[in-house]
Amino acid sequence: MSNLQVLTTERLTKLIDETQQTLLELKEEMIRREQVKQEHEIMDLDHHMQNAEVSLATIRNFIKFLMEDSKKR
């Protein structure tokens, strides 16, 4: 594209239109990738929350065990 002066106005217009369309497609792809990334982060967060609930339940059970054990002594 170093010699734009030899292109006709019609060809320049077509190149601009094609470039704008390509830019729109690239932006749409960028948005799609961001959405996929966010969906994965949400799924990971859900997984981490489930693990936290299990860990919390384990801690509660351990504290309950310690309290019952201390009452026996």
N, C-alpha and C. Protein backbone atom coordinates (compact mmCIF):
# COMPACT_ATOMS: atom_id res chain seq x y z
N MET A 1 0.82 -1.21 0.00
CA MET A 1 0.00 0.00 0.00
C MET A 1 0.85 1.26 0.00
N SER A 2 2.06 1.15 -0.43
CA SER A 2 2.93 2.33 -0.41
C SER A 2 2.59 3.31 -1.51
N ASN A 3 1.85 2.87 -2.53
CA ASN A 3 1.55 3.76 -3.63
C ASN A 3 0.04 3.95 -3.79
N LEU A 4 -0.56 4.64 -2.83
CA LEU A 4 -2.01 4.85 -2.82
C LEU A 4 -2.48 5.76 -3.94
N GLN A 5 -1.60 6.56 -4.47
CA GLN A 5 -2.00 7.53 -5.49
C GLN A 5 -2.42 6.88 -6.81
N VAL A 6 -2.00 5.65 -7.06
CA VAL A 6 -2.39 4.98 -8.30
C VAL A 6 -3.75 4.30 -8.19
N LEU A 7 -4.26 4.19 -6.97
CA LEU A 7 -5.56 3.55 -6.78
C LEU A 7 -6.69 4.51 -7.15
N THR A 8 -7.72 3.93 -7.72
CA THR A 8 -8.89 4.76 -8.04
C THR A 8 -9.65 5.09 -6.76
N THR A 9 -10.47 6.10 -6.85
CA THR A 9 -11.29 6.49 -5.70
C THR A 9 -12.21 5.34 -5.30
N GLU A 10 -12.75 4.66 -6.30
CA GLU A 10 -13.63 3.53 -6.03
C GLU A 10 -12.88 2.43 -5.28
N ARG A 11 -11.65 2.17 -5.72
CA ARG A 11 -10.86 1.12 -5.05
C ARG A 11 -10.50 1.53 -3.63
N LEU A 12 -10.18 2.79 -3.44
CA LEU A 12 -9.90 3.30 -2.09
C LEU A 12 -11.12 3.16 -1.20
N THR A 13 -12.27 3.50 -1.74
CA THR A 13 -13.52 3.39 -0.98
C THR A 13 -13.76 1.93 -0.59
N LYS A 14 -13.54 1.02 -1.55
CA LYS A 14 -13.72 -0.40 -1.26
C LYS A 14 -12.73 -0.87 -0.19
N LEU A 15 -11.49 -0.43 -0.27
CA LEU A 15 -10.49 -0.80 0.73
C LEU A 15 -10.86 -0.26 2.11
N ILE A 16 -11.38 0.93 2.17
CA ILE A 16 -11.82 1.51 3.45
C ILE A 16 -12.97 0.69 4.02
N ASP A 17 -13.93 0.35 3.16
CA ASP A 17 -15.07 -0.46 3.61
C ASP A 17 -14.61 -1.82 4.13
N GLU A 18 -13.71 -2.46 3.40
CA GLU A 18 -13.20 -3.76 3.81
C GLU A 18 -12.43 -3.65 5.13
N THR A 19 -11.66 -2.59 5.26
CA THR A 19 -10.88 -2.38 6.49
C THR A 19 -11.81 -2.14 7.67
N GLN A 20 -12.86 -1.36 7.47
CA GLN A 20 -13.82 -1.11 8.54
C GLN A 20 -14.53 -2.40 8.94
N GLN A 21 -14.89 -3.22 7.96
CA GLN A 21 -15.54 -4.50 8.25
C GLN A 21 -14.60 -5.42 9.03
N THR A 22 -13.36 -5.46 8.61
CA THR A 22 -12.37 -6.27 9.32
C THR A 22 -12.20 -5.77 10.74
N LEU A 23 -12.16 -4.48 10.93
CA LEU A 23 -12.03 -3.92 12.27
C LEU A 23 -13.23 -4.29 13.14
N LEU A 24 -14.42 -4.23 12.58
CA LEU A 24 -15.62 -4.64 13.33
C LEU A 24 -15.53 -6.11 13.74
N GLU A 25 -15.08 -6.96 12.82
CA GLU A 25 -14.95 -8.38 13.13
C GLU A 25 -13.91 -8.61 14.22
N LEU A 26 -12.82 -7.88 14.17
CA LEU A 26 -11.79 -8.00 15.19
C LEU A 26 -12.31 -7.55 16.56
N LYS A 27 -13.08 -6.47 16.58
CA LYS A 27 -13.66 -5.99 17.84
C LYS A 27 -14.64 -7.01 18.40
N GLU A 28 -15.46 -7.60 17.53
CA GLU A 28 -16.41 -8.62 17.97
C GLU A 28 -15.67 -9.83 18.55
N GLU A 29 -14.58 -10.22 17.91
CA GLU A 29 -13.79 -11.35 18.42
C GLU A 29 -13.19 -11.01 19.78
N MET A 30 -12.74 -9.78 19.94
CA MET A 30 -12.17 -9.35 21.21
C MET A 30 -13.23 -9.41 22.31
N ILE A 31 -14.43 -8.95 22.02
CA ILE A 31 -15.54 -9.00 22.97
C ILE A 31 -15.88 -10.45 23.31
N ARG A 32 -15.93 -11.31 22.29
CA ARG A 32 -16.24 -12.73 22.52
C ARG A 32 -15.20 -13.37 23.44
N ARG A 33 -13.94 -13.06 23.21
CA ARG A 33 -12.87 -13.63 24.05
C ARG A 33 -12.97 -13.13 25.49
N GLU A 34 -13.30 -11.87 25.66
CA GLU A 34 -13.48 -11.33 27.02
C GLU A 34 -14.62 -12.04 27.73
N GLN A 35 -15.72 -12.28 26.99
CA GLN A 35 -16.86 -12.96 27.59
C GLN A 35 -16.50 -14.39 27.99
N VAL A 36 -15.76 -15.08 27.14
CA VAL A 36 -15.33 -16.45 27.46
C VAL A 36 -14.42 -16.42 28.68
N LYS A 37 -13.52 -15.46 28.73
CA LYS A 37 -12.61 -15.34 29.87
C LYS A 37 -13.40 -15.10 31.16
N GLN A 38 -14.38 -14.21 31.11
CA GLN A 38 -15.19 -13.93 32.29
C GLN A 38 -15.99 -15.16 32.72
N GLU A 39 -16.52 -15.90 31.75
CA GLU A 39 -17.27 -17.11 32.07
C GLU A 39 -16.37 -18.13 32.78
N HIS A 40 -15.13 -18.26 32.31
CA HIS A 40 -14.20 -19.18 32.95
C HIS A 40 -13.87 -18.72 34.36
N GLU A 41 -13.68 -17.41 34.53
CA GLU A 41 -13.39 -16.89 35.87
C GLU A 41 -14.55 -17.12 36.82
N ILE A 42 -15.77 -16.97 36.33
CA ILE A 42 -16.96 -17.22 37.16
C ILE A 42 -17.04 -18.69 37.55
N MET A 43 -16.75 -19.58 36.59
CA MET A 43 -16.79 -21.01 36.90
C MET A 43 -15.70 -21.35 37.91
N ASP A 44 -14.52 -20.74 37.75
CA ASP A 44 -13.45 -20.98 38.72
C ASP A 44 -13.84 -20.45 40.09
N LEU A 45 -14.48 -19.29 40.14
CA LEU A 45 -14.92 -18.71 41.41
C LEU A 45 -15.92 -19.64 42.09
N ASP A 46 -16.84 -20.19 41.32
CA ASP A 46 -17.83 -21.12 41.87
C ASP A 46 -17.12 -22.34 42.46
N HIS A 47 -16.13 -22.84 41.76
CA HIS A 47 -15.36 -23.98 42.25
C HIS A 47 -14.63 -23.64 43.55
N HIS A 48 -14.02 -22.46 43.60
CA HIS A 48 -13.32 -22.03 44.81
C HIS A 48 -14.28 -21.86 45.99
N MET A 49 -15.47 -21.34 45.70
CA MET A 49 -16.46 -21.16 46.77
C MET A 49 -16.90 -22.52 47.32
N GLN A 50 -17.07 -23.49 46.45
CA GLN A 50 -17.44 -24.83 46.91
C GLN A 50 -16.33 -25.42 47.79
N ASN A 51 -15.09 -25.21 47.39
CA ASN A 51 -13.97 -25.68 48.20
C ASN A 51 -13.93 -24.96 49.55
N ALA A 52 -14.23 -23.68 49.54
CA ALA A 52 -14.23 -22.92 50.79
C ALA A 52 -15.31 -23.44 51.73
N GLU A 53 -16.47 -23.77 51.17
CA GLU A 53 -17.56 -24.31 51.99
C GLU A 53 -17.14 -25.63 52.63
N VAL A 54 -16.48 -26.49 51.86
CA VAL A 54 -16.01 -27.77 52.40
C VAL A 54 -14.98 -27.52 53.50
N SER A 55 -14.07 -26.59 53.26
CA SER A 55 -13.04 -26.27 54.26
C SER A 55 -13.68 -25.72 55.53
N LEU A 56 -14.66 -24.85 55.37
CA LEU A 56 -15.34 -24.28 56.53
C LEU A 56 -16.07 -25.37 57.32
N ALA A 57 -16.69 -26.28 56.62
CA ALA A 57 -17.38 -27.38 57.30
C ALA A 57 -16.38 -28.24 58.08
N THR A 58 -15.23 -28.46 57.50
CA THR A 58 -14.19 -29.24 58.18
C THR A 58 -13.73 -28.52 59.44
N ILE A 59 -13.54 -27.22 59.35
CA ILE A 59 -13.11 -26.43 60.51
C ILE A 59 -14.18 -26.47 61.60
N ARG A 60 -15.45 -26.32 61.20
CA ARG A 60 -16.55 -26.38 62.18
C ARG A 60 -16.57 -27.72 62.89
N ASN A 61 -16.42 -28.77 62.12
CA ASN A 61 -16.43 -30.11 62.72
C ASN A 61 -15.27 -30.28 63.69
N PHE A 62 -14.11 -29.75 63.34
CA PHE A 62 -12.95 -29.85 64.22
C PHE A 62 -13.17 -29.06 65.51
N ILE A 63 -13.72 -27.86 65.39
CA ILE A 63 -14.01 -27.05 66.59
C ILE A 63 -15.04 -27.76 67.46
N LYS A 64 -16.06 -28.33 66.84
CA LYS A 64 -17.07 -29.08 67.58
C LYS A 64 -16.43 -30.25 68.32
N PHE A 65 -15.54 -30.95 67.64
CA PHE A 65 -14.83 -32.06 68.27
C PHE A 65 -14.01 -31.58 69.47
N LEU A 66 -13.29 -30.46 69.30
CA LEU A 66 -12.47 -29.92 70.40
C LEU A 66 -13.34 -29.52 71.58
N MET A 67 -14.49 -28.90 71.31
CA MET A 67 -15.37 -28.48 72.41
C MET A 67 -15.94 -29.69 73.15
N GLU A 68 -16.35 -30.70 72.40
CA GLU A 68 -16.87 -31.90 73.04
C GLU A 68 -15.78 -32.62 73.84
N ASP A 69 -14.60 -32.62 73.28
CA ASP A 69 -13.47 -33.25 73.98
C ASP A 69 -13.14 -32.51 75.26
N SER A 70 -13.17 -31.17 75.20
CA SER A 70 -12.84 -30.40 76.40
C SER A 70 -13.93 -30.55 77.47
N LYS A 71 -15.18 -30.79 77.09
CA LYS A 71 -16.25 -31.02 78.07
C LYS A 71 -16.07 -32.37 78.77
N LYS A 72 -15.50 -33.33 78.08
CA LYS A 72 -15.29 -34.65 78.65
C LYS A 72 -14.19 -34.64 79.70
N ARG A 73 -13.30 -33.68 79.62
CA ARG A 73 -12.16 -33.65 80.55
C ARG A 73 -12.48 -32.95 81.81
